[in-house]
Amino acid sequence: MGEHVREITDADFPAATAKGITLVDFWAPWCGPCMRMGPVLEAVAQAEANVKVCKVNVDEQQARAAEFGINSIPALLVFKDGKLAKQLVGYHDQAALTAELRAV
């Protein structure tokens, strides 16, 4: 995980997603596509100053994953001011992910 992407816990989640646009990556270390998303998320975090990028490890933070019905990873949830605005599943390249974020 790079310096622009923050790992959050179930307890951190409400504060992390409360204001502005937040992209949350639900992932696991054993998931190949999740690992490929890492550099993309770091690039998006660097390029999109108005977007916070966070990661939730579904193995360690099962309650939050269950709350949002995460059953396929990577799952990318976009929150705007604390409310779920968009849910994406699977690998997305930087251009596709940036376009999705700008549409929120």
PDB file of N, CA and C in Angstrom:
ATOM      1  N   MET A   1       0.849  -1.174   0.000  1.00  0.00           N
ATOM      2  CA  MET A   1       0.000   0.000   0.000  1.00  0.00           C
ATOM      3  C   MET A   1       0.897   1.240   0.000  1.00  0.00           C
ATOM      4  N   GLY A   2       0.546   2.176  -0.857  1.00  0.00           N
ATOM      5  CA  GLY A   2       1.350   3.387  -0.967  1.00  0.00           C
ATOM      6  C   GLY A   2       0.993   4.416   0.080  1.00  0.00           C
ATOM      7  N   GLU A   3       1.673   5.522   0.012  1.00  0.00           N
ATOM      8  CA  GLU A   3       1.490   6.562   1.028  1.00  0.00           C
ATOM      9  C   GLU A   3       0.177   7.329   0.875  1.00  0.00           C
ATOM     10  N   HIS A   4      -0.486   7.215  -0.264  1.00  0.00           N
ATOM     11  CA  HIS A   4      -1.723   7.960  -0.485  1.00  0.00           C
ATOM     12  C   HIS A   4      -2.982   7.141  -0.218  1.00  0.00           C
ATOM     13  N   VAL A   5      -2.823   5.828  -0.037  1.00  0.00           N
ATOM     14  CA  VAL A   5      -3.950   4.941   0.204  1.00  0.00           C
ATOM     15  C   VAL A   5      -3.880   4.476   1.649  1.00  0.00           C
ATOM     16  N   ARG A   6      -5.003   4.599   2.361  1.00  0.00           N
ATOM     17  CA  ARG A   6      -5.030   4.313   3.793  1.00  0.00           C
ATOM     18  C   ARG A   6      -5.847   3.052   4.079  1.00  0.00           C
ATOM     19  N   GLU A   7      -5.307   2.164   4.877  1.00  0.00           N
ATOM     20  CA  GLU A   7      -6.031   0.978   5.344  1.00  0.00           C
ATOM     21  C   GLU A   7      -6.928   1.417   6.503  1.00  0.00           C
ATOM     22  N   ILE A   8      -8.207   1.042   6.460  1.00  0.00           N
ATOM     23  CA  ILE A   8      -9.111   1.418   7.539  1.00  0.00           C
ATOM     24  C   ILE A   8      -9.779   0.176   8.133  1.00  0.00           C
ATOM     25  N   THR A   9     -10.235   0.324   9.362  1.00  0.00           N
ATOM     26  CA  THR A   9     -10.926  -0.749  10.066  1.00  0.00           C
ATOM     27  C   THR A   9     -12.420  -0.452  10.102  1.00  0.00           C
ATOM     28  N   ASP A  10     -13.181  -1.411  10.598  1.00  0.00           N
ATOM     29  CA  ASP A  10     -14.620  -1.187  10.765  1.00  0.00           C
ATOM     30  C   ASP A  10     -14.870   0.065  11.601  1.00  0.00           C
ATOM     31  N   ALA A  11     -14.065   0.261  12.644  1.00  0.00           N
ATOM     32  CA  ALA A  11     -14.244   1.409  13.538  1.00  0.00           C
ATOM     33  C   ALA A  11     -13.923   2.735  12.841  1.00  0.00           C
ATOM     34  N   ASP A  12     -12.937   2.739  11.949  1.00  0.00           N
ATOM     35  CA  ASP A  12     -12.528   3.947  11.228  1.00  0.00           C
ATOM     36  C   ASP A  12     -13.496   4.331  10.114  1.00  0.00           C
ATOM     37  N   PHE A  13     -14.261   3.366   9.644  1.00  0.00           N
ATOM     38  CA  PHE A  13     -15.043   3.519   8.428  1.00  0.00           C
ATOM     39  C   PHE A  13     -15.964   4.746   8.413  1.00  0.00           C
ATOM     40  N   PRO A  14     -16.807   4.955   9.445  1.00  0.00           N
ATOM     41  CA  PRO A  14     -17.720   6.106   9.389  1.00  0.00           C
ATOM     42  C   PRO A  14     -16.997   7.446   9.232  1.00  0.00           C
ATOM     43  N   ALA A  15     -15.935   7.649   9.973  1.00  0.00           N
ATOM     44  CA  ALA A  15     -15.196   8.919   9.887  1.00  0.00           C
ATOM     45  C   ALA A  15     -14.491   9.053   8.541  1.00  0.00           C
ATOM     46  N   ALA A  16     -13.970   7.948   8.020  1.00  0.00           N
ATOM     47  CA  ALA A  16     -13.228   7.985   6.758  1.00  0.00           C
ATOM     48  C   ALA A  16     -14.126   8.328   5.574  1.00  0.00           C
ATOM     49  N   THR A  17     -15.398   7.956   5.651  1.00  0.00           N
ATOM     50  CA  THR A  17     -16.300   8.162   4.513  1.00  0.00           C
ATOM     51  C   THR A  17     -17.279   9.319   4.715  1.00  0.00           C
ATOM     52  N   ALA A  18     -17.179  10.030   5.826  1.00  0.00           N
ATOM     53  CA  ALA A  18     -18.190  11.034   6.199  1.00  0.00           C
ATOM     54  C   ALA A  18     -18.252  12.256   5.293  1.00  0.00           C
ATOM     55  N   LYS A  19     -17.098  12.755   4.832  1.00  0.00           N
ATOM     56  CA  LYS A  19     -17.089  14.015   4.079  1.00  0.00           C
ATOM     57  C   LYS A  19     -16.385  13.845   2.742  1.00  0.00           C
ATOM     58  N   GLY A  20     -16.948  14.493   1.745  1.00  0.00           N
ATOM     59  CA  GLY A  20     -16.339  14.470   0.422  1.00  0.00           C
ATOM     60  C   GLY A  20     -16.539  13.144  -0.271  1.00  0.00           C
ATOM     61  N   ILE A  21     -15.688  12.887  -1.261  1.00  0.00           N
ATOM     62  CA  ILE A  21     -15.753  11.645  -2.035  1.00  0.00           C
ATOM     63  C   ILE A  21     -14.675  10.703  -1.530  1.00  0.00           C
ATOM     64  N   THR A  22     -15.091   9.487  -1.190  1.00  0.00           N
ATOM     65  CA  THR A  22     -14.170   8.468  -0.697  1.00  0.00           C
ATOM     66  C   THR A  22     -14.354   7.198  -1.508  1.00  0.00           C
ATOM     67  N   LEU A  23     -13.262   6.677  -2.036  1.00  0.00           N
ATOM     68  CA  LEU A  23     -13.255   5.394  -2.733  1.00  0.00           C
ATOM     69  C   LEU A  23     -12.746   4.359  -1.742  1.00  0.00           C
ATOM     70  N   VAL A  24     -13.548   3.326  -1.493  1.00  0.00           N
ATOM     71  CA  VAL A  24     -13.153   2.267  -0.558  1.00  0.00           C
ATOM     72  C   VAL A  24     -13.007   0.971  -1.334  1.00  0.00           C
ATOM     73  N   ASP A  25     -11.811   0.398  -1.267  1.00  0.00           N
ATOM     74  CA  ASP A  25     -11.506  -0.871  -1.919  1.00  0.00           C
ATOM     75  C   ASP A  25     -11.635  -1.990  -0.901  1.00  0.00           C
ATOM     76  N   PHE A  26     -12.608  -2.878  -1.082  1.00  0.00           N
ATOM     77  CA  PHE A  26     -12.731  -4.078  -0.261  1.00  0.00           C
ATOM     78  C   PHE A  26     -11.895  -5.143  -0.951  1.00  0.00           C
ATOM     79  N   TRP A  27     -10.893  -5.669  -0.250  1.00  0.00           N
ATOM     80  CA  TRP A  27      -9.889  -6.526  -0.854  1.00  0.00           C
ATOM     81  C   TRP A  27      -9.437  -7.605   0.123  1.00  0.00           C
ATOM     82  N   ALA A  28      -8.589  -8.513  -0.346  1.00  0.00           N
ATOM     83  CA  ALA A  28      -7.925  -9.509   0.494  1.00  0.00           C
ATOM     84  C   ALA A  28      -6.546  -9.789  -0.093  1.00  0.00           C
ATOM     85  N   PRO A  29      -5.570 -10.111   0.766  1.00  0.00           N
ATOM     86  CA  PRO A  29      -4.212 -10.321   0.272  1.00  0.00           C
ATOM     87  C   PRO A  29      -4.055 -11.542  -0.636  1.00  0.00           C
ATOM     88  N   TRP A  30      -4.973 -12.483  -0.583  1.00  0.00           N
ATOM     89  CA  TRP A  30      -4.896 -13.688  -1.419  1.00  0.00           C
ATOM     90  C   TRP A  30      -5.556 -13.511  -2.782  1.00  0.00           C
ATOM     91  N   CYS A  31      -6.155 -12.339  -3.026  1.00  0.00           N
ATOM     92  CA  CYS A  31      -6.924 -12.072  -4.250  1.00  0.00           C
ATOM     93  C   CYS A  31      -6.023 -11.433  -5.312  1.00  0.00           C
ATOM     94  N   GLY A  32      -5.760 -12.165  -6.400  1.00  0.00           N
ATOM     95  CA  GLY A  32      -4.893 -11.664  -7.474  1.00  0.00           C
ATOM     96  C   GLY A  32      -5.365 -10.347  -8.068  1.00  0.00           C
ATOM     97  N   PRO A  33      -6.638 -10.247  -8.511  1.00  0.00           N
ATOM     98  CA  PRO A  33      -7.108  -8.969  -9.059  1.00  0.00           C
ATOM     99  C   PRO A  33      -7.027  -7.827  -8.040  1.00  0.00           C
ATOM    100  N   CYS A  34      -7.209  -8.146  -6.751  1.00  0.00           N
ATOM    101  CA  CYS A  34      -7.086  -7.116  -5.706  1.00  0.00           C
ATOM    102  C   CYS A  34      -5.664  -6.567  -5.674  1.00  0.00           C
ATOM    103  N   MET A  35      -4.697  -7.468  -5.783  1.00  0.00           N
ATOM    104  CA  MET A  35      -3.302  -7.033  -5.736  1.00  0.00           C
ATOM    105  C   MET A  35      -2.971  -6.179  -6.964  1.00  0.00           C
ATOM    106  N   ARG A  36      -3.550  -6.504  -8.119  1.00  0.00           N
ATOM    107  CA  ARG A  36      -3.337  -5.702  -9.325  1.00  0.00           C
ATOM    108  C   ARG A  36      -3.964  -4.317  -9.182  1.00  0.00           C
ATOM    109  N   MET A  37      -5.004  -4.184  -8.360  1.00  0.00           N
ATOM    110  CA  MET A  37      -5.656  -2.882  -8.153  1.00  0.00           C
ATOM    111  C   MET A  37      -4.785  -1.934  -7.337  1.00  0.00           C
ATOM    112  N   GLY A  38      -3.882  -2.469  -6.526  1.00  0.00           N
ATOM    113  CA  GLY A  38      -3.054  -1.645  -5.641  1.00  0.00           C
ATOM    114  C   GLY A  38      -2.394  -0.460  -6.326  1.00  0.00           C
ATOM    115  N   PRO A  39      -1.597  -0.692  -7.377  1.00  0.00           N
ATOM    116  CA  PRO A  39      -0.942   0.433  -8.058  1.00  0.00           C
ATOM    117  C   PRO A  39      -1.939   1.393  -8.714  1.00  0.00           C
ATOM    118  N   VAL A  40      -3.063   0.870  -9.196  1.00  0.00           N
ATOM    119  CA  VAL A  40      -4.089   1.722  -9.805  1.00  0.00           C
ATOM    120  C   VAL A  40      -4.674   2.652  -8.744  1.00  0.00           C
ATOM    121  N   LEU A  41      -4.973   2.100  -7.570  1.00  0.00           N
ATOM    122  CA  LEU A  41      -5.535   2.910  -6.494  1.00  0.00           C
ATOM    123  C   LEU A  41      -4.553   3.989  -6.045  1.00  0.00           C
ATOM    124  N   GLU A  42      -3.291   3.639  -5.968  1.00  0.00           N
ATOM    125  CA  GLU A  42      -2.273   4.620  -5.587  1.00  0.00           C
ATOM    126  C   GLU A  42      -2.197   5.734  -6.627  1.00  0.00           C
ATOM    127  N   ALA A  43      -2.249   5.386  -7.902  1.00  0.00           N
ATOM    128  CA  ALA A  43      -2.199   6.390  -8.972  1.00  0.00           C
ATOM    129  C   ALA A  43      -3.429   7.295  -8.918  1.00  0.00           C
ATOM    130  N   VAL A  44      -4.593   6.716  -8.687  1.00  0.00           N
ATOM    131  CA  VAL A  44      -5.820   7.509  -8.588  1.00  0.00           C
ATOM    132  C   VAL A  44      -5.737   8.446  -7.386  1.00  0.00           C
ATOM    133  N   ALA A  45      -5.241   7.934  -6.267  1.00  0.00           N
ATOM    134  CA  ALA A  45      -5.118   8.751  -5.055  1.00  0.00           C
ATOM    135  C   ALA A  45      -4.190   9.941  -5.287  1.00  0.00           C
ATOM    136  N   GLN A  46      -3.129   9.727  -6.043  1.00  0.00           N
ATOM    137  CA  GLN A  46      -2.197  10.818  -6.331  1.00  0.00           C
ATOM    138  C   GLN A  46      -2.785  11.817  -7.321  1.00  0.00           C
ATOM    139  N   ALA A  47      -3.522  11.317  -8.312  1.00  0.00           N
ATOM    140  CA  ALA A  47      -4.018  12.172  -9.387  1.00  0.00           C
ATOM    141  C   ALA A  47      -5.291  12.932  -9.021  1.00  0.00           C
ATOM    142  N   GLU A  48      -6.110  12.367  -8.152  1.00  0.00           N
ATOM    143  CA  GLU A  48      -7.404  12.957  -7.819  1.00  0.00           C
ATOM    144  C   GLU A  48      -7.353  13.528  -6.400  1.00  0.00           C
ATOM    145  N   ALA A  49      -6.938  14.757  -6.272  1.00  0.00           N
ATOM    146  CA  ALA A  49      -6.738  15.380  -4.962  1.00  0.00           C
ATOM    147  C   ALA A  49      -8.026  15.463  -4.137  1.00  0.00           C
ATOM    148  N   ASN A  50      -9.170  15.491  -4.797  1.00  0.00           N
ATOM    149  CA  ASN A  50     -10.431  15.632  -4.066  1.00  0.00           C
ATOM    150  C   ASN A  50     -11.036  14.286  -3.650  1.00  0.00           C
ATOM    151  N   VAL A  51     -10.337  13.184  -3.913  1.00  0.00           N
ATOM    152  CA  VAL A  51     -10.843  11.851  -3.582  1.00  0.00           C
ATOM    153  C   VAL A  51      -9.935  11.203  -2.546  1.00  0.00           C
ATOM    154  N   LYS A  52     -10.533  10.724  -1.445  1.00  0.00           N
ATOM    155  CA  LYS A  52      -9.786   9.927  -0.469  1.00  0.00           C
ATOM    156  C   LYS A  52      -9.885   8.475  -0.925  1.00  0.00           C
ATOM    157  N   VAL A  53      -8.786   7.741  -0.822  1.00  0.00           N
ATOM    158  CA  VAL A  53      -8.779   6.330  -1.208  1.00  0.00           C
ATOM    159  C   VAL A  53      -8.399   5.501   0.011  1.00  0.00           C
ATOM    160  N   CYS A  54      -9.271   4.548   0.348  1.00  0.00           N
ATOM    161  CA  CYS A  54      -9.069   3.691   1.517  1.00  0.00           C
ATOM    162  C   CYS A  54      -9.232   2.233   1.114  1.00  0.00           C
ATOM    163  N   LYS A  55      -8.665   1.353   1.922  1.00  0.00           N
ATOM    164  CA  LYS A  55      -8.784  -0.081   1.686  1.00  0.00           C
ATOM    165  C   LYS A  55      -9.326  -0.753   2.953  1.00  0.00           C
ATOM    166  N   VAL A  56     -10.197  -1.756   2.746  1.00  0.00           N
ATOM    167  CA  VAL A  56     -10.733  -2.559   3.839  1.00  0.00           C
ATOM    168  C   VAL A  56     -10.419  -4.018   3.533  1.00  0.00           C
ATOM    169  N   ASN A  57      -9.644  -4.647   4.405  1.00  0.00           N
ATOM    170  CA  ASN A  57      -9.308  -6.066   4.255  1.00  0.00           C
ATOM    171  C   ASN A  57     -10.518  -6.879   4.703  1.00  0.00           C
ATOM    172  N   VAL A  58     -11.159  -7.595   3.769  1.00  0.00           N
ATOM    173  CA  VAL A  58     -12.395  -8.313   4.094  1.00  0.00           C
ATOM    174  C   VAL A  58     -12.174  -9.474   5.058  1.00  0.00           C
ATOM    175  N   ASP A  59     -10.955 -10.003   5.112  1.00  0.00           N
ATOM    176  CA  ASP A  59     -10.665 -11.082   6.060  1.00  0.00           C
ATOM    177  C   ASP A  59     -10.614 -10.559   7.489  1.00  0.00           C
ATOM    178  N   GLU A  60     -10.140  -9.323   7.655  1.00  0.00           N
ATOM    179  CA  GLU A  60      -9.981  -8.744   8.986  1.00  0.00           C
ATOM    180  C   GLU A  60     -11.175  -7.893   9.413  1.00  0.00           C
ATOM    181  N   GLN A  61     -11.923  -7.357   8.467  1.00  0.00           N
ATOM    182  CA  GLN A  61     -13.033  -6.443   8.754  1.00  0.00           C
ATOM    183  C   GLN A  61     -14.327  -7.023   8.177  1.00  0.00           C
ATOM    184  N   GLN A  62     -14.712  -8.179   8.667  1.00  0.00           N
ATOM    185  CA  GLN A  62     -15.833  -8.909   8.083  1.00  0.00           C
ATOM    186  C   GLN A  62     -17.186  -8.229   8.296  1.00  0.00           C
ATOM    187  N   ALA A  63     -17.354  -7.528   9.398  1.00  0.00           N
ATOM    188  CA  ALA A  63     -18.644  -6.891   9.674  1.00  0.00           C
ATOM    189  C   ALA A  63     -18.960  -5.826   8.623  1.00  0.00           C
ATOM    190  N   ARG A  64     -17.991  -5.010   8.266  1.00  0.00           N
ATOM    191  CA  ARG A  64     -18.224  -3.945   7.289  1.00  0.00           C
ATOM    192  C   ARG A  64     -18.467  -4.552   5.906  1.00  0.00           C
ATOM    193  N   ALA A  65     -17.731  -5.590   5.561  1.00  0.00           N
ATOM    194  CA  ALA A  65     -17.948  -6.256   4.279  1.00  0.00           C
ATOM    195  C   ALA A  65     -19.356  -6.848   4.221  1.00  0.00           C
ATOM    196  N   ALA A  66     -19.799  -7.450   5.309  1.00  0.00           N
ATOM    197  CA  ALA A  66     -21.147  -8.029   5.367  1.00  0.00           C
ATOM    198  C   ALA A  66     -22.214  -6.942   5.266  1.00  0.00           C
ATOM    199  N   GLU A  67     -21.974  -5.803   5.900  1.00  0.00           N
ATOM    200  CA  GLU A  67     -22.934  -4.696   5.875  1.00  0.00           C
ATOM    201  C   GLU A  67     -23.265  -4.272   4.444  1.00  0.00           C
ATOM    202  N   PHE A  68     -22.254  -4.294   3.577  1.00  0.00           N
ATOM    203  CA  PHE A  68     -22.446  -3.856   2.197  1.00  0.00           C
ATOM    204  C   PHE A  68     -22.639  -5.026   1.231  1.00  0.00           C
ATOM    205  N   GLY A  69     -22.786  -6.239   1.759  1.00  0.00           N
ATOM    206  CA  GLY A  69     -23.052  -7.395   0.919  1.00  0.00           C
ATOM    207  C   GLY A  69     -21.913  -7.730  -0.035  1.00  0.00           C
ATOM    208  N   ILE A  70     -20.697  -7.521   0.430  1.00  0.00           N
ATOM    209  CA  ILE A  70     -19.535  -7.793  -0.425  1.00  0.00           C
ATOM    210  C   ILE A  70     -19.358  -9.305  -0.538  1.00  0.00           C
ATOM    211  N   ASN A  71     -19.522  -9.844  -1.755  1.00  0.00           N
ATOM    212  CA  ASN A  71     -19.292 -11.273  -1.956  1.00  0.00           C
ATOM    213  C   ASN A  71     -18.359 -11.542  -3.126  1.00  0.00           C
ATOM    214  N   SER A  72     -17.932 -10.511  -3.815  1.00  0.00           N
ATOM    215  CA  SER A  72     -16.917 -10.608  -4.862  1.00  0.00           C
ATOM    216  C   SER A  72     -15.934  -9.468  -4.650  1.00  0.00           C
ATOM    217  N   ILE A  73     -14.642  -9.789  -4.754  1.00  0.00           N
ATOM    218  CA  ILE A  73     -13.629  -8.758  -4.586  1.00  0.00           C
ATOM    219  C   ILE A  73     -12.689  -8.779  -5.783  1.00  0.00           C
ATOM    220  N   PRO A  74     -12.039  -7.678  -6.120  1.00  0.00           N
ATOM    221  CA  PRO A  74     -12.177  -6.408  -5.437  1.00  0.00           C
ATOM    222  C   PRO A  74     -13.546  -5.772  -5.664  1.00  0.00           C
ATOM    223  N   ALA A  75     -14.048  -5.177  -4.612  1.00  0.00           N
ATOM    224  CA  ALA A  75     -15.285  -4.395  -4.682  1.00  0.00           C
ATOM    225  C   ALA A  75     -14.910  -2.961  -4.340  1.00  0.00           C
ATOM    226  N   LEU A  76     -15.259  -2.056  -5.209  1.00  0.00           N
ATOM    227  CA  LEU A  76     -14.910  -0.646  -5.042  1.00  0.00           C
ATOM    228  C   LEU A  76     -16.188   0.134  -4.795  1.00  0.00           C
ATOM    229  N   LEU A  77     -16.307   0.689  -3.596  1.00  0.00           N
ATOM    230  CA  LEU A  77     -17.484   1.471  -3.234  1.00  0.00           C
ATOM    231  C   LEU A  77     -17.107   2.933  -3.169  1.00  0.00           C
ATOM    232  N   VAL A  78     -17.924   3.773  -3.753  1.00  0.00           N
ATOM    233  CA  VAL A  78     -17.686   5.213  -3.758  1.00  0.00           C
ATOM    234  C   VAL A  78     -18.744   5.854  -2.867  1.00  0.00           C
ATOM    235  N   PHE A  79     -18.273   6.615  -1.894  1.00  0.00           N
ATOM    236  CA  PHE A  79     -19.154   7.314  -0.964  1.00  0.00           C
ATOM    237  C   PHE A  79     -19.040   8.809  -1.203  1.00  0.00           C
ATOM    238  N   LYS A  80     -20.175   9.479  -1.113  1.00  0.00           N
ATOM    239  CA  LYS A  80     -20.184  10.937  -1.186  1.00  0.00           C
ATOM    240  C   LYS A  80     -20.875  11.433   0.071  1.00  0.00           C
ATOM    241  N   ASP A  81     -20.129  12.152   0.896  1.00  0.00           N
ATOM    242  CA  ASP A  81     -20.627  12.686   2.165  1.00  0.00           C
ATOM    243  C   ASP A  81     -21.323  11.607   3.004  1.00  0.00           C
ATOM    244  N   GLY A  82     -20.674  10.434   3.084  1.00  0.00           N
ATOM    245  CA  GLY A  82     -21.155   9.361   3.944  1.00  0.00           C
ATOM    246  C   GLY A  82     -22.195   8.439   3.344  1.00  0.00           C
ATOM    247  N   LYS A  83     -22.665   8.748   2.146  1.00  0.00           N
ATOM    248  CA  LYS A  83     -23.698   7.922   1.516  1.00  0.00           C
ATOM    249  C   LYS A  83     -23.110   7.170   0.321  1.00  0.00           C
ATOM    250  N   LEU A  84     -23.481   5.893   0.193  1.00  0.00           N
ATOM    251  CA  LEU A  84     -23.012   5.086  -0.924  1.00  0.00           C
ATOM    252  C   LEU A  84     -23.540   5.664  -2.230  1.00  0.00           C
ATOM    253  N   ALA A  85     -22.629   6.014  -3.140  1.00  0.00           N
ATOM    254  CA  ALA A  85     -23.004   6.621  -4.408  1.00  0.00           C
ATOM    255  C   ALA A  85     -22.842   5.657  -5.582  1.00  0.00           C
ATOM    256  N   LYS A  86     -21.921   4.714  -5.458  1.00  0.00           N
ATOM    257  CA  LYS A  86     -21.624   3.828  -6.580  1.00  0.00           C
ATOM    258  C   LYS A  86     -20.907   2.591  -6.061  1.00  0.00           C
ATOM    259  N   GLN A  87     -21.163   1.446  -6.712  1.00  0.00           N
ATOM    260  CA  GLN A  87     -20.479   0.205  -6.341  1.00  0.00           C
ATOM    261  C   GLN A  87     -19.977  -0.464  -7.619  1.00  0.00           C
ATOM    262  N   LEU A  88     -18.688  -0.749  -7.655  1.00  0.00           N
ATOM    263  CA  LEU A  88     -18.042  -1.381  -8.801  1.00  0.00           C
ATOM    264  C   LEU A  88     -17.407  -2.686  -8.334  1.00  0.00           C
ATOM    265  N   VAL A  89     -17.433  -3.699  -9.174  1.00  0.00           N
ATOM    266  CA  VAL A  89     -16.828  -4.976  -8.817  1.00  0.00           C
ATOM    267  C   VAL A  89     -15.808  -5.355  -9.876  1.00  0.00           C
ATOM    268  N   GLY A  90     -14.676  -5.897  -9.424  1.00  0.00           N
ATOM    269  CA  GLY A  90     -13.642  -6.358 -10.342  1.00  0.00           C
ATOM    270  C   GLY A  90     -12.582  -5.305 -10.604  1.00  0.00           C
ATOM    271  N   TYR A  91     -11.602  -5.707 -11.390  1.00  0.00           N
ATOM    272  CA  TYR A  91     -10.482  -4.835 -11.722  1.00  0.00           C
ATOM    273  C   TYR A  91     -10.941  -3.713 -12.655  1.00  0.00           C
ATOM    274  N   HIS A  92     -10.491  -2.503 -12.381  1.00  0.00           N
ATOM    275  CA  HIS A  92     -10.729  -1.342 -13.245  1.00  0.00           C
ATOM    276  C   HIS A  92      -9.390  -0.635 -13.433  1.00  0.00           C
ATOM    277  N   ASP A  93      -9.080  -0.244 -14.665  1.00  0.00           N
ATOM    278  CA  ASP A  93      -7.834   0.490 -14.871  1.00  0.00           C
ATOM    279  C   ASP A  93      -8.024   1.941 -14.422  1.00  0.00           C
ATOM    280  N   GLN A  94      -6.936   2.691 -14.416  1.00  0.00           N
ATOM    281  CA  GLN A  94      -6.982   4.054 -13.881  1.00  0.00           C
ATOM    282  C   GLN A  94      -7.954   4.944 -14.644  1.00  0.00           C
ATOM    283  N   ALA A  95      -7.976   4.852 -15.957  1.00  0.00           N
ATOM    284  CA  ALA A  95      -8.862   5.712 -16.752  1.00  0.00           C
ATOM    285  C   ALA A  95     -10.326   5.410 -16.445  1.00  0.00           C
ATOM    286  N   ALA A  96     -10.678   4.137 -16.375  1.00  0.00           N
ATOM    287  CA  ALA A  96     -12.066   3.754 -16.101  1.00  0.00           C
ATOM    288  C   ALA A  96     -12.474   4.175 -14.696  1.00  0.00           C
ATOM    289  N   LEU A  97     -11.586   3.960 -13.745  1.00  0.00           N
ATOM    290  CA  LEU A  97     -11.891   4.301 -12.357  1.00  0.00           C
ATOM    291  C   LEU A  97     -12.021   5.821 -12.185  1.00  0.00           C
ATOM    292  N   THR A  98     -11.144   6.565 -12.815  1.00  0.00           N
ATOM    293  CA  THR A  98     -11.208   8.023 -12.748  1.00  0.00           C
ATOM    294  C   THR A  98     -12.510   8.532 -13.354  1.00  0.00           C
ATOM    295  N   ALA A  99     -12.927   7.963 -14.472  1.00  0.00           N
ATOM    296  CA  ALA A  99     -14.178   8.369 -15.114  1.00  0.00           C
ATOM    297  C   ALA A  99     -15.361   8.092 -14.188  1.00  0.00           C
ATOM    298  N   GLU A 100     -15.357   6.951 -13.509  1.00  0.00           N
ATOM    299  CA  GLU A 100     -16.434   6.611 -12.579  1.00  0.00           C
ATOM    300  C   GLU A 100     -16.470   7.603 -11.416  1.00  0.00           C
ATOM    301  N   LEU A 101     -15.312   7.958 -10.895  1.00  0.00           N
ATOM    302  CA  LEU A 101     -15.239   8.888  -9.774  1.00  0.00           C
ATOM    303  C   LEU A 101     -15.707  10.288 -10.158  1.00  0.00           C
ATOM    304  N   ARG A 102     -15.347  10.712 -11.337  1.00  0.00           N
ATOM    305  CA  ARG A 102     -15.733  12.061 -11.780  1.00  0.00           C
ATOM    306  C   ARG A 102     -17.220  12.161 -12.071  1.00  0.00           C
ATOM    307  N   ALA A 103     -17.880  11.017 -12.263  1.00  0.00           N
ATOM    308  CA  ALA A 103     -19.322  11.000 -12.545  1.00  0.00           C
ATOM    309  C   ALA A 103     -20.165  11.062 -11.267  1.00  0.00           C
ATOM    310  N   VAL A 104     -19.509  10.985 -10.109  1.00  0.00           N
ATOM    311  CA  VAL A 104     -20.240  10.989  -8.831  1.00  0.00           C
ATOM    312  C   VAL A 104     -20.630  12.416  -8.478  1.00  0.00           C
TER     313      VAL A 104
END
